[in-house]
Amino acid sequence: MPPRLDRRTVVVTRGKAGEDALATRLAELGAAVRELPSIAIAPPASWDARDAALRDLARFDWLVFASASAVERTTARARDLGVAPAALARPALAAVGPATAEALARALRDPDLVPAEATGAAMAAALAPRVRGRRVLVPRPAEGRPELVEGLAAAGAEVVGAEAYRTVPAPPERLRPLAGWIGRGEVDAVAFASPSAVKAVVAALGPDAGALSRVALAAIGPTTAEALRDAGYPPIVVPVRHTARDLAEAIAARLGPG
């Protein structure tokens, strides 16, 4: 069992936008959790590309998901269009990381491939031997990094990268209190579960973002950790498995009782 957090305060930067499992597990471990939703999931600018692909799933050999949100938004849109779950489950399925794999298993079935590392580049490398000459559908965020789609195309796949959703930052005034909380010694750690959350928080804090260097920063996986390092605030907690539960337990292992 991981150590108890004994009321150490952890800020969860997505809150009700999708990290309930993280907040719940932190609370189970004895943390005082402050939820600070930093991003929201919004519909894509256009449904056209994704709807056309969903209506013509029979032509795809692989369906590749890079986030749990992509799974949730794609399956919900398929229901709206009258596309049967069996049609979505027919292609080979791939998920970037265990959290996405869990979402896919709940919505459709267990994925056929999950790379050892939860990054788009690792997914492209794992799929490369399997997709030459194959048609691959990648529902993705509008702001998605290019490594996955570009890597699959370089491997010889015919790739359709269909916009599944957009991430939009919370209003800066909702995020700025974080700097004050840290300055008053009210925060022990800040947890990030996506690069979008990192960018939203750092941008909102502006010149006060340096406060982040005074607390333990935790990233759910390598892509989020890279976003923190790029912003100048390297994380000290990155779990081996990239799930909300594992992130909570890694934070507990690092901070221990107060």
Protein backbone atom coordinates (compact mmCIF):
# COMPACT_ATOMS: atom_id res chain seq x y z
CA MET A 1 0.00 0.00 0.00
CA PRO A 2 1.24 3.54 -0.75
CA PRO A 3 1.84 5.87 2.21
CA ARG A 4 -1.02 7.97 3.53
CA LEU A 5 -1.00 11.63 2.52
CA ASP A 6 -2.38 12.78 5.90
CA ARG A 7 -4.15 15.91 4.64
CA ARG A 8 -1.34 17.04 2.34
CA THR A 9 -2.99 19.34 -0.19
CA VAL A 10 -2.95 18.33 -3.84
CA VAL A 11 -4.39 20.51 -6.60
CA VAL A 12 -5.94 18.54 -9.47
CA THR A 13 -5.90 20.76 -12.54
CA ARG A 14 -8.73 19.18 -14.49
CA GLY A 15 -11.26 18.30 -11.81
CA LYS A 16 -14.70 17.50 -13.16
CA ALA A 17 -13.49 17.75 -16.77
CA GLY A 18 -12.36 14.15 -16.56
CA GLU A 19 -10.05 13.38 -13.65
CA ASP A 20 -12.57 12.25 -11.01
CA ALA A 21 -10.62 9.01 -10.58
CA LEU A 22 -7.52 10.99 -9.65
CA ALA A 23 -9.29 13.17 -7.10
CA THR A 24 -11.12 10.16 -5.67
CA ARG A 25 -7.97 8.08 -5.20
CA LEU A 26 -6.06 11.02 -3.69
CA ALA A 27 -8.89 11.51 -1.19
CA GLU A 28 -8.83 7.78 -0.38
CA LEU A 29 -5.12 8.16 0.38
CA GLY A 30 -5.84 10.97 2.82
CA ALA A 31 -5.10 14.03 0.68
CA ALA A 32 -6.96 17.29 0.89
CA VAL A 33 -7.90 17.72 -2.76
CA ARG A 34 -8.53 21.06 -4.44
CA GLU A 35 -10.02 20.72 -7.90
CA LEU A 36 -9.03 23.50 -10.29
CA PRO A 37 -10.54 22.73 -13.72
CA SER A 38 -8.10 24.22 -16.21
CA ILE A 39 -9.56 23.02 -19.52
CA ALA A 40 -12.88 21.97 -20.98
CA ILE A 41 -13.72 19.64 -23.83
CA ALA A 42 -15.58 21.36 -26.67
CA PRO A 43 -17.10 20.05 -29.91
CA PRO A 44 -14.90 20.10 -33.01
CA ALA A 45 -15.02 23.12 -35.29
CA SER A 46 -16.58 20.83 -37.91
CA TRP A 47 -18.13 17.38 -37.66
CA ASP A 48 -17.72 16.68 -41.37
CA ALA A 49 -14.50 14.63 -41.49
CA ARG A 50 -15.32 12.50 -38.47
CA ASP A 51 -18.94 11.92 -39.53
CA ALA A 52 -17.88 10.86 -43.01
CA ALA A 53 -15.38 8.39 -41.53
CA LEU A 54 -17.86 6.99 -39.01
CA ARG A 55 -20.44 6.41 -41.74
CA ASP A 56 -17.84 4.51 -43.78
CA LEU A 57 -16.06 2.48 -41.08
CA ALA A 58 -15.95 -0.62 -43.27
CA ARG A 59 -13.08 0.88 -45.27
CA PHE A 60 -10.79 1.23 -42.22
CA ASP A 61 -8.48 -1.52 -40.98
CA TRP A 62 -7.42 0.22 -37.76
CA LEU A 63 -9.10 2.64 -35.37
CA VAL A 64 -6.48 4.39 -33.22
CA PHE A 65 -7.29 6.43 -30.11
CA ALA A 66 -4.81 8.81 -28.47
CA SER A 67 -6.91 9.74 -25.41
CA ALA A 68 -9.86 8.64 -23.32
CA SER A 69 -11.66 11.80 -24.45
CA ALA A 70 -11.28 10.69 -28.07
CA VAL A 71 -12.89 7.36 -27.18
CA GLU A 72 -15.76 9.00 -25.33
CA ARG A 73 -16.44 11.66 -27.97
CA THR A 74 -16.19 9.26 -30.89
CA THR A 75 -18.48 6.62 -29.42
CA ALA A 76 -21.00 9.29 -28.40
CA ARG A 77 -21.02 10.77 -31.91
CA ALA A 78 -21.39 7.29 -33.41
CA ARG A 79 -24.51 6.77 -31.30
CA ASP A 80 -25.92 10.09 -32.50
CA LEU A 81 -25.36 8.99 -36.10
CA GLY A 82 -26.92 5.58 -35.54
CA VAL A 83 -23.62 3.73 -36.02
CA ALA A 84 -23.73 0.42 -34.16
CA PRO A 85 -21.05 -0.31 -31.54
CA ALA A 86 -20.27 -3.51 -33.43
CA ALA A 87 -19.23 -1.42 -36.44
CA LEU A 88 -16.83 0.60 -34.28
CA ALA A 89 -15.43 -2.58 -32.76
CA ARG A 90 -14.88 -4.32 -36.12
CA PRO A 91 -11.52 -2.69 -37.09
CA ALA A 92 -8.41 -3.51 -35.11
CA LEU A 93 -8.28 -1.13 -32.14
CA ALA A 94 -5.27 0.64 -30.65
CA ALA A 95 -5.04 2.82 -27.55
CA VAL A 96 -2.26 5.14 -26.43
CA GLY A 97 -1.69 4.16 -22.81
CA PRO A 98 -3.62 2.26 -20.14
CA ALA A 99 -6.14 5.03 -19.36
CA THR A 100 -7.22 5.15 -23.00
CA ALA A 101 -7.25 1.35 -23.11
CA GLU A 102 -9.56 1.23 -20.09
CA ALA A 103 -11.94 3.74 -21.70
CA LEU A 104 -11.94 1.69 -24.90
CA ALA A 105 -12.64 -1.55 -23.02
CA ARG A 106 -15.62 0.07 -21.28
CA ALA A 107 -17.03 1.55 -24.48
CA LEU A 108 -16.31 -1.20 -27.04
CA ARG A 109 -13.82 -3.96 -26.26
CA ASP A 110 -10.21 -4.49 -25.24
CA PRO A 111 -7.76 -2.92 -27.70
CA ASP A 112 -5.59 -5.07 -29.93
CA LEU A 113 -2.52 -2.94 -29.28
CA VAL A 114 -1.31 -0.67 -26.46
CA PRO A 115 2.29 0.59 -26.77
CA ALA A 116 4.69 0.26 -23.86
CA GLU A 117 4.95 4.05 -23.59
CA ALA A 118 1.91 6.33 -23.68
CA THR A 119 3.01 8.66 -26.47
CA GLY A 120 1.96 9.19 -30.06
CA ALA A 121 5.48 8.44 -31.27
CA ALA A 122 5.52 5.11 -29.40
CA MET A 123 2.13 4.22 -30.84
CA ALA A 124 3.29 5.00 -34.39
CA ALA A 125 6.40 2.85 -33.89
CA ALA A 126 4.38 -0.06 -32.48
CA LEU A 127 1.89 0.08 -35.35
CA ALA A 128 4.45 0.62 -38.12
CA PRO A 129 4.94 -3.09 -38.97
CA ARG A 130 1.17 -3.62 -39.15
CA VAL A 131 -0.21 -0.70 -41.12
CA ARG A 132 1.65 -0.50 -44.43
CA GLY A 133 -1.01 -0.28 -47.11
CA ARG A 134 -3.77 -0.20 -44.48
CA ARG A 135 -6.38 2.46 -43.84
CA VAL A 136 -6.20 3.98 -40.36
CA LEU A 137 -8.69 6.31 -38.67
CA VAL A 138 -7.32 8.49 -35.85
CA PRO A 139 -9.99 10.52 -33.98
CA ARG A 140 -7.95 13.23 -32.31
CA PRO A 141 -8.12 16.64 -30.63
CA ALA A 142 -7.81 19.71 -32.82
CA GLU A 143 -4.62 20.57 -30.93
CA GLY A 144 -3.19 17.06 -31.16
CA ARG A 145 0.55 16.61 -31.59
CA PRO A 146 1.60 15.44 -35.07
CA GLU A 147 3.83 12.48 -34.18
CA LEU A 148 1.13 9.81 -34.37
CA VAL A 149 -0.42 10.77 -37.70
CA GLU A 150 2.92 11.61 -39.29
CA GLY A 151 4.51 8.40 -38.00
CA LEU A 152 1.70 6.24 -39.37
CA ALA A 153 1.86 7.97 -42.74
CA ALA A 154 5.63 7.46 -42.85
CA ALA A 155 5.03 3.74 -42.18
CA GLY A 156 2.94 3.55 -45.34
CA ALA A 157 -0.56 3.79 -43.89
CA GLU A 158 -3.41 5.73 -45.43
CA VAL A 159 -4.29 7.89 -42.46
CA VAL A 160 -7.42 9.93 -41.77
CA GLY A 161 -6.91 12.24 -38.79
CA ALA A 162 -10.46 13.29 -37.92
CA GLU A 163 -11.01 16.08 -35.40
CA ALA A 164 -12.97 14.58 -32.50
CA TYR A 165 -12.95 17.46 -30.02
CA ARG A 166 -11.20 20.66 -28.97
CA THR A 167 -9.68 21.52 -25.62
CA VAL A 168 -10.32 25.07 -24.49
CA PRO A 169 -8.62 26.71 -21.50
CA ALA A 170 -10.59 27.89 -18.51
CA PRO A 171 -10.85 31.67 -18.09
CA PRO A 172 -7.52 32.87 -16.61
CA GLU A 173 -9.20 34.49 -13.63
CA ARG A 174 -10.37 31.05 -12.47
CA LEU A 175 -6.82 29.69 -12.46
CA ARG A 176 -4.88 32.65 -11.04
CA PRO A 177 -5.74 31.85 -7.38
CA LEU A 178 -3.32 28.93 -7.62
CA ALA A 179 -0.30 31.25 -7.31
CA GLY A 180 -1.74 32.72 -4.11
CA TRP A 181 -2.47 29.31 -2.62
CA ILE A 182 1.12 28.26 -3.25
CA GLY A 183 2.50 31.56 -1.93
CA ARG A 184 0.59 31.10 1.33
CA GLY A 185 1.93 27.56 1.74
CA GLU A 186 -1.48 25.99 1.21
CA VAL A 187 -0.41 23.54 -1.54
CA ASP A 188 1.98 20.57 -1.44
CA ALA A 189 1.59 19.28 -5.01
CA VAL A 190 -0.08 20.12 -8.31
CA ALA A 191 -1.15 17.26 -10.60
CA PHE A 192 -1.44 17.56 -14.38
CA ALA A 193 -3.10 15.00 -16.63
CA SER A 194 -2.58 16.57 -20.06
CA PRO A 195 -0.31 19.00 -21.90
CA SER A 196 -3.36 21.22 -22.44
CA ALA A 197 -3.78 21.60 -18.69
CA VAL A 198 -0.10 22.56 -18.33
CA LYS A 199 -0.39 25.21 -21.03
CA ALA A 200 -3.62 26.63 -19.61
CA VAL A 201 -2.25 26.96 -16.06
CA VAL A 202 1.12 28.43 -17.07
CA ALA A 203 -0.53 30.93 -19.43
CA ALA A 204 -3.11 31.98 -16.84
CA LEU A 205 -0.51 32.51 -14.10
CA GLY A 206 1.69 34.56 -16.40
CA PRO A 207 4.49 36.25 -14.42
CA ASP A 208 3.35 34.38 -11.29
CA ALA A 209 3.92 30.95 -12.88
CA GLY A 210 7.25 30.74 -11.06
CA ALA A 211 5.24 29.75 -8.00
CA LEU A 212 4.97 26.29 -9.56
CA SER A 213 8.65 25.70 -8.83
CA ARG A 214 7.89 25.82 -5.10
CA VAL A 215 5.68 22.72 -5.00
CA ALA A 216 5.85 19.11 -6.17
CA LEU A 217 4.62 18.85 -9.74
CA ALA A 218 3.15 15.57 -10.96
CA ALA A 219 2.50 14.50 -14.57
CA ILE A 220 0.40 11.52 -15.59
CA GLY A 221 2.75 10.51 -18.40
CA PRO A 222 5.70 11.43 -20.60
CA THR A 223 3.88 13.83 -22.92
CA THR A 224 2.53 15.85 -20.00
CA ALA A 225 5.94 15.71 -18.31
CA GLU A 226 7.52 17.05 -21.48
CA ALA A 227 5.04 19.95 -21.53
CA LEU A 228 6.04 20.84 -17.96
CA ARG A 229 9.74 20.67 -18.78
CA ASP A 230 9.22 22.81 -21.89
CA ALA A 231 7.51 25.42 -19.68
CA GLY A 232 10.49 25.38 -17.31
CA TYR A 233 8.88 23.40 -14.48
CA PRO A 234 10.10 19.79 -14.53
CA PRO A 235 7.89 17.33 -12.65
CA ILE A 236 9.21 15.23 -9.81
CA VAL A 237 6.42 12.64 -10.06
CA VAL A 238 5.67 10.61 -13.22
CA PRO A 239 4.12 7.17 -12.63
CA VAL A 240 5.34 4.09 -14.47
CA ARG A 241 1.76 3.31 -15.55
CA HIS A 242 -0.02 6.32 -16.92
CA THR A 243 -3.40 6.17 -15.19
CA ALA A 244 -5.13 8.43 -12.69
CA ARG A 245 -4.89 5.82 -9.94
CA ASP A 246 -1.18 5.29 -10.53
CA LEU A 247 -0.58 9.04 -10.55
CA ALA A 248 -2.31 9.40 -7.18
CA GLU A 249 -0.29 6.56 -5.68
CA ALA A 250 2.98 7.95 -7.09
CA ILE A 251 2.20 11.30 -5.46
CA ALA A 252 1.56 9.54 -2.16
CA ALA A 253 4.81 7.61 -2.47
CA ARG A 254 6.73 10.83 -3.11
CA LEU A 255 5.12 13.05 -0.47
CA GLY A 256 4.29 10.49 2.20
CA PRO A 257 2.76 11.67 5.47
CA GLY A 258 3.19 15.31 6.39
